[in-house]
Each structure stands twice: as C-alpha cells, then as structure tokens.
C-alpha atoms as a PDB file:
ATOM      1  CA  MET A   1      97.492  53.454-176.793  1.00  0.00           C
ATOM      2  CA  GLU A   2      94.952  50.704-177.186  1.00  0.00           C
ATOM      3  CA  PHE A   3      95.487  47.034-176.453  1.00  0.00           C
ATOM      4  CA  LYS A   4      93.278  44.119-177.414  1.00  0.00           C
ATOM      5  CA  ALA A   5      92.339  41.372-174.977  1.00  0.00           C
ATOM      6  CA  LYS A   6      94.224  38.762-177.014  1.00  0.00           C
ATOM      7  CA  ASP A   7      97.411  40.870-176.921  1.00  0.00           C
ATOM      8  CA  ILE A   8      97.179  41.417-173.166  1.00  0.00           C
ATOM      9  CA  ALA A   9      96.578  37.701-172.644  1.00  0.00           C
ATOM     10  CA  ALA A  10      99.664  36.887-174.715  1.00  0.00           C
ATOM     11  CA  LEU A  11     101.783  39.240-172.587  1.00  0.00           C
ATOM     12  CA  LEU A  12     100.542  37.649-169.368  1.00  0.00           C
ATOM     13  CA  ASN A  13     100.370  34.013-170.493  1.00  0.00           C
ATOM     14  CA  GLY A  14      96.650  34.220-169.839  1.00  0.00           C
ATOM     15  CA  VAL A  15      93.526  32.846-171.493  1.00  0.00           C
ATOM     16  CA  VAL A  16      90.762  35.034-172.933  1.00  0.00           C
ATOM     17  CA  ASP A  17      87.245  34.194-171.787  1.00  0.00           C
ATOM     18  CA  GLY A  18      85.032  36.368-174.021  1.00  0.00           C
ATOM     19  CA  ASN A  19      85.753  38.708-176.932  1.00  0.00           C
ATOM     20  CA  PRO A  20      89.482  38.542-177.839  1.00  0.00           C
ATOM     21  CA  GLU A  21      89.189  41.646-180.066  1.00  0.00           C
ATOM     22  CA  ILE A  22      87.830  44.044-177.439  1.00  0.00           C
ATOM     23  CA  SER A  23      90.219  46.936-176.723  1.00  0.00           C
ATOM     24  CA  VAL A  24      91.149  49.029-173.685  1.00  0.00           C
ATOM     25  CA  ASN A  25      93.193  52.209-173.310  1.00  0.00           C
ATOM     26  CA  ASN A  26      93.183  52.735-169.535  1.00  0.00           C
ATOM     27  CA  VAL A  27      92.981  50.989-166.169  1.00  0.00           C
ATOM     28  CA  SER A  28      90.234  51.326-163.548  1.00  0.00           C
ATOM     29  CA  LYS A  29      89.136  49.887-160.225  1.00  0.00           C
ATOM     30  CA  ILE A  30      86.589  47.125-160.701  1.00  0.00           C
ATOM     31  CA  GLU A  31      83.962  48.988-158.665  1.00  0.00           C
ATOM     32  CA  GLU A  32      84.401  52.098-160.810  1.00  0.00           C
ATOM     33  CA  GLY A  33      85.043  50.409-164.149  1.00  0.00           C
ATOM     34  CA  LYS A  34      84.219  52.264-167.357  1.00  0.00           C
ATOM     35  CA  PRO A  35      83.979  51.037-170.955  1.00  0.00           C
ATOM     36  CA  GLY A  36      87.403  50.929-172.571  1.00  0.00           C
ATOM     37  CA  THR A  37      89.233  50.202-169.309  1.00  0.00           C
ATOM     38  CA  LEU A  38      90.850  47.143-167.766  1.00  0.00           C
ATOM     39  CA  ALA A  39      90.189  46.143-164.147  1.00  0.00           C
ATOM     40  CA  PHE A  40      91.248  43.218-162.003  1.00  0.00           C
ATOM     41  CA  LEU A  41      89.705  40.956-159.373  1.00  0.00           C
ATOM     42  CA  ALA A  42      92.174  39.565-156.828  1.00  0.00           C
ATOM     43  CA  ASN A  43      90.296  39.857-153.519  1.00  0.00           C
ATOM     44  CA  PRO A  44      87.193  37.607-153.286  1.00  0.00           C
ATOM     45  CA  LYS A  45      85.293  40.223-151.253  1.00  0.00           C
ATOM     46  CA  TYR A  46      85.107  42.362-154.413  1.00  0.00           C
ATOM     47  CA  GLU A  47      83.633  39.568-156.521  1.00  0.00           C
ATOM     48  CA  HIS A  48      80.142  41.080-156.571  1.00  0.00           C
ATOM     49  CA  TYR A  49      81.473  44.024-158.602  1.00  0.00           C
ATOM     50  CA  ILE A  50      82.393  41.792-161.529  1.00  0.00           C
ATOM     51  CA  TYR A  51      78.703  41.243-162.271  1.00  0.00           C
ATOM     52  CA  THR A  52      77.999  44.976-162.573  1.00  0.00           C
ATOM     53  CA  THR A  53      81.289  46.546-163.659  1.00  0.00           C
ATOM     54  CA  GLN A  54      81.376  48.487-166.908  1.00  0.00           C
ATOM     55  CA  ALA A  55      85.069  47.697-167.441  1.00  0.00           C
ATOM     56  CA  SER A  56      85.636  46.044-170.808  1.00  0.00           C
ATOM     57  CA  ILE A  57      88.254  43.566-169.573  1.00  0.00           C
ATOM     58  CA  VAL A  58      88.808  42.105-166.101  1.00  0.00           C
ATOM     59  CA  LEU A  59      91.841  40.095-165.031  1.00  0.00           C
ATOM     60  CA  VAL A  60      90.866  37.156-162.814  1.00  0.00           C
ATOM     61  CA  ASN A  61      92.612  34.148-161.340  1.00  0.00           C
ATOM     62  CA  LYS A  62      92.343  30.962-163.384  1.00  0.00           C
ATOM     63  CA  THR A  63      90.411  29.380-160.529  1.00  0.00           C
ATOM     64  CA  PHE A  64      87.624  32.010-160.638  1.00  0.00           C
ATOM     65  CA  LYS A  65      84.138  30.506-161.055  1.00  0.00           C
ATOM     66  CA  PRO A  66      81.394  33.097-161.649  1.00  0.00           C
ATOM     67  CA  ALA A  67      78.201  32.752-159.650  1.00  0.00           C
ATOM     68  CA  HIS A  68      76.140  35.016-161.955  1.00  0.00           C
ATOM     69  CA  GLU A  69      76.180  36.382-165.488  1.00  0.00           C
ATOM     70  CA  TYR A  70      78.665  39.105-166.383  1.00  0.00           C
ATOM     71  CA  SER A  71      79.180  41.348-169.416  1.00  0.00           C
ATOM     72  CA  CYS A  72      82.951  41.927-169.429  1.00  0.00           C
ATOM     73  CA  THR A  73      85.655  39.904-171.142  1.00  0.00           C
ATOM     74  CA  LEU A  74      87.802  37.956-168.692  1.00  0.00           C
ATOM     75  CA  ILE A  75      91.492  37.215-168.964  1.00  0.00           C
ATOM     76  CA  ARG A  76      92.340  34.273-166.745  1.00  0.00           C
ATOM     77  CA  VAL A  77      95.874  34.319-165.289  1.00  0.00           C
ATOM     78  CA  GLU A  78      97.752  32.532-162.518  1.00  0.00           C
ATOM     79  CA  SER A  79      97.538  35.589-160.233  1.00  0.00           C
ATOM     80  CA  ALA A  80      95.436  38.622-161.090  1.00  0.00           C
ATOM     81  CA  TYR A  81      97.327  40.782-158.596  1.00  0.00           C
ATOM     82  CA  ASP A  82     100.725  39.865-160.040  1.00  0.00           C
ATOM     83  CA  ALA A  83      99.390  40.328-163.575  1.00  0.00           C
ATOM     84  CA  ILE A  84      98.135  43.866-162.972  1.00  0.00           C
ATOM     85  CA  ALA A  85     101.459  44.732-161.328  1.00  0.00           C
ATOM     86  CA  THR A  86     103.246  43.465-164.446  1.00  0.00           C
ATOM     87  CA  LEU A  87     101.019  45.523-166.747  1.00  0.00           C
ATOM     88  CA  LEU A  88     101.418  48.700-164.704  1.00  0.00           C
ATOM     89  CA  GLN A  89     105.191  48.239-164.665  1.00  0.00           C
ATOM     90  CA  MET A  90     105.194  47.838-168.453  1.00  0.00           C
ATOM     91  CA  TYR A  91     103.093  50.976-168.809  1.00  0.00           C
ATOM     92  CA  ASP A  92     105.433  52.910-166.524  1.00  0.00           C
ATOM     93  CA  ASP A  93     108.456  51.707-168.494  1.00  0.00           C
ATOM     94  CA  MET A  94     106.889  53.058-171.692  1.00  0.00           C
ATOM     95  CA  LYS A  95     106.643  56.616-170.345  1.00  0.00           C
ATOM     96  CA  PRO A  96     109.431  58.971-171.492  1.00  0.00           C
ATOM     97  CA  LYS A  97     112.258  59.281-168.960  1.00  0.00           C
ATOM     98  CA  PRO A  98     114.291  62.485-168.461  1.00  0.00           C
ATOM     99  CA  VAL A  99     117.966  62.438-169.406  1.00  0.00           C
ATOM    100  CA  GLY A 100     120.853  64.893-169.305  1.00  0.00           C
ATOM    101  CA  ILE A 101     122.099  67.464-166.831  1.00  0.00           C
ATOM    102  CA  GLU A 102     119.932  70.542-166.395  1.00  0.00           C
ATOM    103  CA  GLN A 103     121.194  73.957-165.442  1.00  0.00           C
ATOM    104  CA  PRO A 104     121.507  75.498-162.994  1.00  0.00           C
ATOM    105  CA  SER A 105     122.737  72.503-160.976  1.00  0.00           C
ATOM    106  CA  TYR A 106     125.972  71.928-159.048  1.00  0.00           C
ATOM    107  CA  ILE A 107     128.233  68.908-159.508  1.00  0.00           C
ATOM    108  CA  SER A 108     131.576  68.923-157.714  1.00  0.00           C
ATOM    109  CA  ASP A 109     134.634  68.485-159.903  1.00  0.00           C
ATOM    110  CA  SER A 110     135.652  65.510-157.767  1.00  0.00           C
ATOM    111  CA  ALA A 111     132.278  63.750-158.138  1.00  0.00           C
ATOM    112  CA  SER A 112     131.900  60.956-160.695  1.00  0.00           C
ATOM    113  CA  ILE A 113     128.730  60.274-162.668  1.00  0.00           C
ATOM    114  CA  GLY A 114     128.024  57.176-164.766  1.00  0.00           C
ATOM    115  CA  GLU A 115     126.400  56.805-168.158  1.00  0.00           C
ATOM    116  CA  LYS A 116     122.928  58.121-169.114  1.00  0.00           C
ATOM    117  CA  PRO A 117     122.370  60.276-166.011  1.00  0.00           C
ATOM    118  CA  TYR A 118     119.590  62.710-165.272  1.00  0.00           C
ATOM    119  CA  VAL A 119     120.400  65.575-162.920  1.00  0.00           C
ATOM    120  CA  GLY A 120     117.552  68.060-162.500  1.00  0.00           C
ATOM    121  CA  ALA A 121     117.809  71.803-162.043  1.00  0.00           C
ATOM    122  CA  PHE A 122     119.056  73.026-158.643  1.00  0.00           C
ATOM    123  CA  ALA A 123     120.293  69.570-157.658  1.00  0.00           C
ATOM    124  CA  TYR A 124     123.563  69.457-155.676  1.00  0.00           C
ATOM    125  CA  ILE A 125     126.179  66.682-155.855  1.00  0.00           C
ATOM    126  CA  GLY A 126     129.025  67.061-153.374  1.00  0.00           C
ATOM    127  CA  ARG A 127     132.728  66.309-153.306  1.00  0.00           C
ATOM    128  CA  GLY A 128     133.771  62.739-154.010  1.00  0.00           C
ATOM    129  CA  ALA A 129     130.225  61.513-154.622  1.00  0.00           C
ATOM    130  CA  LYS A 130     129.957  58.453-156.895  1.00  0.00           C
ATOM    131  CA  ILE A 131     126.823  58.204-158.999  1.00  0.00           C
ATOM    132  CA  GLY A 132     126.212  55.015-161.011  1.00  0.00           C
ATOM    133  CA  ASN A 133     124.796  54.456-164.476  1.00  0.00           C
ATOM    134  CA  ASN A 134     121.257  55.468-165.423  1.00  0.00           C
ATOM    135  CA  VAL A 135     120.665  57.246-162.097  1.00  0.00           C
ATOM    136  CA  LYS A 136     117.924  59.862-162.039  1.00  0.00           C
ATOM    137  CA  ILE A 137     118.319  62.754-159.602  1.00  0.00           C
ATOM    138  CA  TYR A 138     115.351  65.103-159.749  1.00  0.00           C
ATOM    139  CA  PRO A 139     115.403  68.873-159.115  1.00  0.00           C
ATOM    140  CA  GLN A 140     116.419  70.219-155.706  1.00  0.00           C
ATOM    141  CA  ALA A 141     117.857  66.937-154.473  1.00  0.00           C
ATOM    142  CA  TYR A 142     120.968  67.112-152.261  1.00  0.00           C
ATOM    143  CA  ILE A 143     123.689  64.468-152.541  1.00  0.00           C
ATOM    144  CA  GLY A 144     126.342  65.094-149.887  1.00  0.00           C
ATOM    145  CA  ASP A 145     130.087  64.589-149.959  1.00  0.00           C
ATOM    146  CA  GLY A 146     131.245  61.016-150.451  1.00  0.00           C
ATOM    147  CA  VAL A 147     127.766  59.624-151.073  1.00  0.00           C
ATOM    148  CA  VAL A 148     127.580  56.507-153.256  1.00  0.00           C
ATOM    149  CA  VAL A 149     124.490  55.860-155.413  1.00  0.00           C
ATOM    150  CA  GLY A 150     124.141  52.587-157.350  1.00  0.00           C
ATOM    151  CA  ASP A 151     122.971  52.025-160.918  1.00  0.00           C
ATOM    152  CA  ASN A 152     119.337  52.607-161.928  1.00  0.00           C
ATOM    153  CA  THR A 153     118.390  54.367-158.700  1.00  0.00           C
ATOM    154  CA  VAL A 154     115.775  57.140-158.726  1.00  0.00           C
ATOM    155  CA  ILE A 155     116.081  60.069-156.310  1.00  0.00           C
ATOM    156  CA  TYR A 156     113.060  62.362-156.414  1.00  0.00           C
ATOM    157  CA  SER A 157     112.851  66.091-155.748  1.00  0.00           C
ATOM    158  CA  GLY A 158     113.741  67.301-152.289  1.00  0.00           C
ATOM    159  CA  VAL A 159     115.589  64.180-151.148  1.00  0.00           C
ATOM    160  CA  LYS A 160     118.529  64.889-148.832  1.00  0.00           C
ATOM    161  CA  ILE A 161     121.364  62.354-148.525  1.00  0.00           C
ATOM    162  CA  TYR A 162     123.962  63.378-145.961  1.00  0.00           C
ATOM    163  CA  THR A 163     127.713  62.857-146.163  1.00  0.00           C
ATOM    164  CA  GLY A 164     129.046  59.331-146.537  1.00  0.00           C
ATOM    165  CA  CYS A 165     125.757  57.471-146.976  1.00  0.00           C
ATOM    166  CA  VAL A 166     125.449  54.586-149.434  1.00  0.00           C
ATOM    167  CA  VAL A 167     122.436  53.844-151.663  1.00  0.00           C
ATOM    168  CA  GLY A 168     122.383  50.582-153.609  1.00  0.00           C
ATOM    169  CA  LYS A 169     121.204  49.707-157.094  1.00  0.00           C
ATOM    170  CA  SER A 170     117.600  50.071-158.310  1.00  0.00           C
ATOM    171  CA  CYS A 171     116.454  51.960-155.231  1.00  0.00           C
ATOM    172  CA  ILE A 172     113.663  54.561-155.210  1.00  0.00           C
ATOM    173  CA  LEU A 173     113.735  57.503-152.790  1.00  0.00           C
ATOM    174  CA  HIS A 174     110.587  59.607-152.820  1.00  0.00           C
ATOM    175  CA  SER A 175     110.351  63.330-152.159  1.00  0.00           C
ATOM    176  CA  GLY A 176     111.326  64.499-148.710  1.00  0.00           C
ATOM    177  CA  VAL A 177     113.363  61.432-147.757  1.00  0.00           C
ATOM    178  CA  VAL A 178     116.282  62.256-145.454  1.00  0.00           C
ATOM    179  CA  LEU A 179     119.117  59.759-145.136  1.00  0.00           C
ATOM    180  CA  GLY A 180     121.858  60.325-142.609  1.00  0.00           C
ATOM    181  CA  ALA A 181     120.597  63.063-140.306  1.00  0.00           C
ATOM    182  CA  ASP A 182     122.154  62.722-136.856  1.00  0.00           C
ATOM    183  CA  GLY A 183     120.853  59.972-134.634  1.00  0.00           C
ATOM    184  CA  PHE A 184     119.090  61.169-131.497  1.00  0.00           C
ATOM    185  CA  GLY A 185     122.119  60.998-129.211  1.00  0.00           C
ATOM    186  CA  PHE A 186     122.441  63.207-126.136  1.00  0.00           C
ATOM    187  CA  ALA A 187     124.138  62.573-122.790  1.00  0.00           C
ATOM    188  CA  PRO A 188     122.821  64.210-119.589  1.00  0.00           C
ATOM    189  CA  GLU A 189     125.342  66.642-118.154  1.00  0.00           C
ATOM    190  CA  GLY A 190     124.112  68.406-115.069  1.00  0.00           C
ATOM    191  CA  ASP A 191     120.913  70.256-115.883  1.00  0.00           C
ATOM    192  CA  HIS A 192     121.354  70.040-119.644  1.00  0.00           C
ATOM    193  CA  TYR A 193     122.191  67.544-122.410  1.00  0.00           C
ATOM    194  CA  LYS A 194     125.451  67.249-124.297  1.00  0.00           C
ATOM    195  CA  LYS A 195     125.276  66.203-127.944  1.00  0.00           C
ATOM    196  CA  VAL A 196     126.966  62.880-128.747  1.00  0.00           C
ATOM    197  CA  PRO A 197     128.527  63.061-132.236  1.00  0.00           C
ATOM    198  CA  GLN A 198     127.048  60.606-134.722  1.00  0.00           C
ATOM    199  CA  ILE A 199     129.917  59.551-136.975  1.00  0.00           C
ATOM    200  CA  GLY A 200     128.451  56.505-138.743  1.00  0.00           C
ATOM    201  CA  ASN A 201     126.332  56.460-141.892  1.00  0.00           C
ATOM    202  CA  VAL A 202     123.249  54.929-143.520  1.00  0.00           C
ATOM    203  CA  VAL A 203     123.499  52.025-145.952  1.00  0.00           C
ATOM    204  CA  LEU A 204     120.629  51.039-148.229  1.00  0.00           C
ATOM    205  CA  GLU A 205     121.167  47.777-150.074  1.00  0.00           C
ATOM    206  CA  ASP A 206     119.745  47.105-153.560  1.00  0.00           C
ATOM    207  CA  ASP A 207     116.061  47.319-154.530  1.00  0.00           C
ATOM    208  CA  VAL A 208     114.983  49.377-151.512  1.00  0.00           C
ATOM    209  CA  GLU A 209     112.075  51.830-151.804  1.00  0.00           C
ATOM    210  CA  ILE A 210     111.611  54.627-149.262  1.00  0.00           C
ATOM    211  CA  GLY A 211     108.358  56.613-149.094  1.00  0.00           C
ATOM    212  CA  ALA A 212     107.934  60.385-148.929  1.00  0.00           C
ATOM    213  CA  ASN A 213     109.161  62.228-145.824  1.00  0.00           C
ATOM    214  CA  THR A 214     110.667  59.139-144.241  1.00  0.00           C
ATOM    215  CA  CYS A 215     113.822  59.757-142.191  1.00  0.00           C
ATOM    216  CA  ILE A 216     116.610  57.267-141.524  1.00  0.00           C
ATOM    217  CA  ASP A 217     119.215  58.454-139.010  1.00  0.00           C
ATOM    218  CA  ARG A 218     122.943  57.875-139.365  1.00  0.00           C
ATOM    219  CA  ALA A 219     124.560  55.536-136.873  1.00  0.00           C
ATOM    220  CA  LYS A 220     126.491  56.733-133.849  1.00  0.00           C
ATOM    221  CA  THR A 221     129.275  54.456-135.129  1.00  0.00           C
ATOM    222  CA  ASP A 222     129.194  51.870-137.941  1.00  0.00           C
ATOM    223  CA  SER A 223     125.987  51.929-140.037  1.00  0.00           C
ATOM    224  CA  THR A 224     122.229  52.067-139.919  1.00  0.00           C
ATOM    225  CA  VAL A 225     121.430  49.306-142.436  1.00  0.00           C
ATOM    226  CA  ILE A 226     118.349  48.734-144.581  1.00  0.00           C
ATOM    227  CA  ARG A 227     118.747  45.365-146.314  1.00  0.00           C
ATOM    228  CA  ARG A 228     117.925  44.339-149.850  1.00  0.00           C
ATOM    229  CA  GLY A 229     114.295  44.552-150.961  1.00  0.00           C
ATOM    230  CA  VAL A 230     112.949  46.507-147.958  1.00  0.00           C
ATOM    231  CA  LYS A 231     109.907  48.701-148.693  1.00  0.00           C
ATOM    232  CA  LEU A 232     109.155  51.578-146.315  1.00  0.00           C
ATOM    233  CA  ASP A 233     106.021  53.723-146.594  1.00  0.00           C
ATOM    234  CA  ASN A 234     105.705  57.486-146.052  1.00  0.00           C
ATOM    235  CA  LEU A 235     106.378  59.259-142.749  1.00  0.00           C
ATOM    236  CA  ILE A 236     108.499  56.584-141.070  1.00  0.00           C
ATOM    237  CA  GLN A 237     111.277  57.259-138.553  1.00  0.00           C
ATOM    238  CA  ILE A 238     114.218  54.850-138.319  1.00  0.00           C
ATOM    239  CA  GLY A 239     116.647  55.556-135.475  1.00  0.00           C
ATOM    240  CA  HIS A 240     120.427  55.288-135.364  1.00  0.00           C
ATOM    241  CA  ASN A 241     122.104  51.872-135.709  1.00  0.00           C
ATOM    242  CA  VAL A 242     118.830  50.134-136.577  1.00  0.00           C
ATOM    243  CA  GLN A 243     119.015  47.163-138.916  1.00  0.00           C
ATOM    244  CA  ILE A 244     116.061  46.020-141.026  1.00  0.00           C
ATOM    245  CA  GLY A 245     116.250  42.611-142.694  1.00  0.00           C
ATOM    246  CA  GLU A 246     115.676  41.672-146.325  1.00  0.00           C
ATOM    247  CA  ASN A 247     112.218  42.089-147.874  1.00  0.00           C
ATOM    248  CA  THR A 248     110.616  43.537-144.763  1.00  0.00           C
ATOM    249  CA  VAL A 249     107.707  45.918-145.397  1.00  0.00           C
ATOM    250  CA  SER A 250     106.402  48.705-143.163  1.00  0.00           C
ATOM    251  CA  SER A 251     103.325  50.908-143.513  1.00  0.00           C
ATOM    252  CA  ALA A 252     103.191  54.611-142.701  1.00  0.00           C
ATOM    253  CA  GLN A 253     104.045  56.315-139.406  1.00  0.00           C
ATOM    254  CA  THR A 254     106.065  53.474-137.966  1.00  0.00           C
ATOM    255  CA  GLY A 255     108.862  54.464-135.576  1.00  0.00           C
ATOM    256  CA  ILE A 256     111.847  52.266-134.722  1.00  0.00           C
ATOM    257  CA  ALA A 257     114.127  53.475-131.936  1.00  0.00           C
ATOM    258  CA  GLY A 258     117.895  53.236-131.945  1.00  0.00           C
ATOM    259  CA  THR A 259     119.845  49.973-132.133  1.00  0.00           C
ATOM    260  CA  SER A 260     116.783  47.790-132.643  1.00  0.00           C
ATOM    261  CA  ARG A 261     116.828  44.916-135.124  1.00  0.00           C
ATOM    262  CA  VAL A 262     113.979  43.812-137.378  1.00  0.00           C
ATOM    263  CA  GLY A 263     114.371  40.503-139.201  1.00  0.00           C
ATOM    264  CA  ARG A 264     113.686  39.550-142.796  1.00  0.00           C
ATOM    265  CA  ASN A 265     110.290  39.184-144.452  1.00  0.00           C
ATOM    266  CA  CYS A 266     108.482  40.961-141.612  1.00  0.00           C
ATOM    267  CA  PHE A 267     105.340  43.054-141.989  1.00  0.00           C
ATOM    268  CA  LEU A 268     104.834  46.136-139.813  1.00  0.00           C
ATOM    269  CA  ALA A 269     101.414  47.763-140.160  1.00  0.00           C
ATOM    270  CA  GLY A 270     100.744  51.478-139.714  1.00  0.00           C
ATOM    271  CA  GLN A 271     101.841  53.397-136.607  1.00  0.00           C
ATOM    272  CA  VAL A 272     103.851  50.559-135.100  1.00  0.00           C
ATOM    273  CA  GLY A 273     106.310  51.668-132.424  1.00  0.00           C
ATOM    274  CA  ILE A 274     109.420  49.667-131.522  1.00  0.00           C
ATOM    275  CA  ALA A 275     111.466  50.662-128.476  1.00  0.00           C
ATOM    276  CA  ASP A 276     115.256  50.819-128.447  1.00  0.00           C
ATOM    277  CA  HIS A 277     117.372  47.646-128.311  1.00  0.00           C
ATOM    278  CA  VAL A 278     114.447  45.383-129.284  1.00  0.00           C
ATOM    279  CA  ASN A 279     115.109  42.365-131.525  1.00  0.00           C
ATOM    280  CA  VAL A 280     112.286  41.304-133.855  1.00  0.00           C
ATOM    281  CA  GLY A 281     112.736  37.907-135.515  1.00  0.00           C
ATOM    282  CA  ASP A 282     112.129  36.841-139.109  1.00  0.00           C
ATOM    283  CA  PHE A 283     108.641  36.515-140.636  1.00  0.00           C
ATOM    284  CA  VAL A 284     107.027  38.505-137.811  1.00  0.00           C
ATOM    285  CA  LYS A 285     103.736  40.376-138.330  1.00  0.00           C
ATOM    286  CA  ILE A 286     102.869  43.387-136.163  1.00  0.00           C
ATOM    287  CA  GLY A 287      99.377  44.930-136.210  1.00  0.00           C
ATOM    288  CA  SER A 288      98.535  48.629-136.520  1.00  0.00           C
ATOM    289  CA  LYS A 289      99.245  50.899-133.544  1.00  0.00           C
ATOM    290  CA  SER A 290     101.139  48.160-131.712  1.00  0.00           C
ATOM    291  CA  GLY A 291     103.991  48.996-129.361  1.00  0.00           C
ATOM    292  CA  LEU A 292     106.889  46.600-128.808  1.00  0.00           C
ATOM    293  CA  ASP A 293     109.217  46.905-125.827  1.00  0.00           C
ATOM    294  CA  LYS A 294     110.386  43.267-125.750  1.00  0.00           C
ATOM    295  CA  ASP A 295     111.984  40.884-128.230  1.00  0.00           C
ATOM    296  CA  VAL A 296     109.743  38.902-130.593  1.00  0.00           C
ATOM    297  CA  PRO A 297     110.702  35.384-131.796  1.00  0.00           C
ATOM    298  CA  ASP A 298     110.571  34.297-135.431  1.00  0.00           C
ATOM    299  CA  GLY A 299     107.165  33.861-137.033  1.00  0.00           C
ATOM    300  CA  GLU A 300     105.141  35.485-134.254  1.00  0.00           C
ATOM    301  CA  VAL A 301     102.141  37.823-134.596  1.00  0.00           C
ATOM    302  CA  ARG A 302     101.753  40.795-132.248  1.00  0.00           C
ATOM    303  CA  PHE A 303      98.933  43.286-131.593  1.00  0.00           C
ATOM    304  CA  GLY A 304      98.257  46.080-129.128  1.00  0.00           C
ATOM    305  CA  TYR A 305     100.238  48.060-126.584  1.00  0.00           C
ATOM    306  CA  PRO A 306     102.129  46.575-124.960  1.00  0.00           C
ATOM    307  CA  ALA A 307     102.051  44.141-127.869  1.00  0.00           C
ATOM    308  CA  LEU A 308     100.602  40.703-127.106  1.00  0.00           C
ATOM    309  CA  PRO A 309     100.626  37.463-129.118  1.00  0.00           C
ATOM    310  CA  GLY A 310      97.843  37.530-131.693  1.00  0.00           C
ATOM    311  CA  MET A 311      95.252  35.199-130.122  1.00  0.00           C
ATOM    312  CA  GLN A 312      95.918  36.490-126.623  1.00  0.00           C
ATOM    313  CA  TYR A 313      95.300  40.024-127.857  1.00  0.00           C
ATOM    314  CA  HIS A 314      92.027  39.102-129.578  1.00  0.00           C
ATOM    315  CA  ARG A 315      90.771  37.290-126.472  1.00  0.00           C
ATOM    316  CA  SER A 316      91.706  40.323-124.360  1.00  0.00           C
ATOM    317  CA  ALA A 317      90.027  42.682-126.843  1.00  0.00           C
ATOM    318  CA  ALA A 318      86.798  40.720-126.467  1.00  0.00           C
ATOM    319  CA  VAL A 319      86.991  41.388-122.706  1.00  0.00           C
ATOM    320  CA  PHE A 320      87.820  45.089-123.162  1.00  0.00           C
ATOM    321  CA  LYS A 321      84.425  45.632-124.793  1.00  0.00           C
ATOM    322  CA  ARG A 322      82.655  44.225-121.732  1.00  0.00           C
ATOM    323  CA  LEU A 323      84.631  46.081-119.065  1.00  0.00           C
ATOM    324  CA  PRO A 324      81.811  48.499-118.073  1.00  0.00           C
ATOM    325  CA  GLU A 325      79.284  45.699-117.497  1.00  0.00           C
ATOM    326  CA  LEU A 326      81.933  43.520-115.818  1.00  0.00           C
ATOM    327  CA  GLU A 327      82.772  46.411-113.488  1.00  0.00           C
ATOM    328  CA  LYS A 328      79.097  46.748-112.637  1.00  0.00           C
ATOM    329  CA  LEU A 329      78.823  42.983-112.071  1.00  0.00           C
ATOM    330  CA  VAL A 330      81.841  42.967-109.725  1.00  0.00           C
ATOM    331  CA  HIS A 331      80.398  45.939-107.813  1.00  0.00           C
ATOM    332  CA  ASN A 332      77.080  44.118-107.314  1.00  0.00           C
ATOM    333  CA  LEU A 333      78.874  40.937-106.237  1.00  0.00           C
ATOM    334  CA  GLU A 334      80.893  42.907-103.698  1.00  0.00           C
ATOM    335  CA  LYS A 335      77.686  44.369-102.258  1.00  0.00           C
ATOM    336  CA  GLN A 336      76.124  40.900-102.016  1.00  0.00           C
ATOM    337  CA  LEU A 337      79.238  39.485-100.368  1.00  0.00           C
ATOM    338  CA  ALA A 338      79.270  42.326 -97.851  1.00  0.00           C
ATOM    339  CA  GLU A 339      75.619  41.620 -96.948  1.00  0.00           C
ATOM    340  CA  LEU A 340      76.324  37.898 -96.530  1.00  0.00           C
ATOM    341  CA  LYS A 341      79.189  38.663 -94.164  1.00  0.00           C
ATOM    342  CA  LYS A 342      76.844  40.671 -91.965  1.00  0.00           C
END
C-alpha cells in the first residue's frame, strides 16, 4: 500500500515540510534510505544522513533545524521516535491475523477458551487451563495444567508454560520462552545435593513482553512476579522468587539470582548479573556487564564488577588504562627510595 505525505502527517498530527503528494510504500533506515520509503531522524548523531538520504519522506522532531540543503520531504512531529513506533504498530495491526483451532492440536476437555482464539497445530492446552479472549497460541506451544492466560496475549511457537503459572492481558511471549521451570533449589546432604521442591508459580502482569529463549523460574513458595509493563530481551534468566517492578526494561543475557528484587522503571543493560537477595531500587540504571552483590538505592547508576556508582566507576576506569605505566612509575620510585635510604 502507498501513503502520501499529507496522509501520514494527518495520522501523526504532523506538519509537512516539502511535497505533500509524495508517496511511500515501505520503511527504511535513514542511512540506507531508498526512493519510495519513509525514514526517521530521532538521534542527532545521525543528522548528517538527512542531507544525503534517498528516502522520500523523513520524520523529524518539530525542533529540527537543517544545517544544509536536503532533497527529502520532512514531516515534523512532536517526537520522531514515537511517531515511527505509532506507524509501525499501525502497519502491524493491518497484517492478517490467524484465527481458529488447527488440527492436530490438544485441548483438554476441562480447559476453557475465550472468543476469537487461535490455537496452532501441535499446541497443547492442559487440564483446567483458562485462556482469555483473542489469545493467539502458535504451533507447538505448551500450556500446562491450570495455567491462566489473559485477553489479547500472544504466545509464539515453542513457548512452554508450566503448571499453575499466570500470564496477564496483552502480553507477548516469544519463541523458546519457559515460564515456571523449577527454581535452582538444592540442599547439601553429605557428599551430594538433595532437590528442594519448588511449589510456587510465575505471575506475569499485563502488558509484559518476554524475548526469545528467556527463562523465568517458578518460586520455591509463593510467586516469581514480573510486574505490569516489564520488557525483557532474549536469553535472560530470572531466578525463583524474584520480583521485577513495573515498566523495568532489561537487555539480553541478564541474570537475576533467586529472591532478588528490582524496582520499577529500571534499566538493565546487556549481561548484567545480580546476586541473590539483592534489592535494587526504583529508577536505577545498570551498565553492561555489571555485577551487583549489594543493594542499590533509588535513582542510582551502577557500572562494572563489583558495580560502582557511575562517576566513581568512570574515574576508576580512567586509572585502569594507566595501570602499566603507573606500575612502572611506582617501581622506579621504590628503587630511588631504596637508594636514598642507603
């Protein structure tokens, strides 16, 4: 489908700066823009591409002031990043969605399924499971006994949800997600370890998105809880009895050990490690590859291992780079001091 600049501007409450009749039928990155595509400029460090891009239309913030001539048509909006997200969501909503129950699939007689479901081939829905309205369960997904899934949730192929877990409304679980595998609980008994039964569950609140191959362990007792609006990337491990606060975001390969707490509106970058029984406050930011073994107050920034406050880490990092020459300097000073003592 093709859309004219004036129509896109109307959808986004934007203003056309250029040819309102020019049309696009696809989206591109600004640095790789082609005629007939729409791009966007949100990060100022990419501004130089707007003067050379071949994209026909570029979304920009209303405050954008060009430093050179450009050939594309601009649509000025309050936030270019939010505007492109809105357009992509509209495009995704226009794509045909699967409906119905494919065969072969297994649905227990005691399970209940709401209106307008999609259940793909080879999916399994266990005893007493409760599936809401407009839920999409793709092929080869496993929904265990007593699982509850809220309205408008999407469960992609290969997801495994163990017995008794709860998934809220409008959640997205990508392929390979495992909810409710046993927490890592073993008690030493002589020269071996005895398994400690994990009898709790996992609860995802509404509007949670979980990336591919992320695993969230069931609690030993009570629940491992992922609060409303949390977004977890691929390949993340969440241990038993962890709680993650509302609207917290984590990048790939993060690991959070059992019984730790992460507050709301936090940002965890890639490969962050959090030890067991650590409490992370609200609005905390943790840099890539950082390791936390102590509590972090609200609003703090942490980097490194063991994680240090942001400015302290950066000052230390500046010293790390000079360690070889500092070691040599200390060695020379020691030699001079020894000679003076003689």
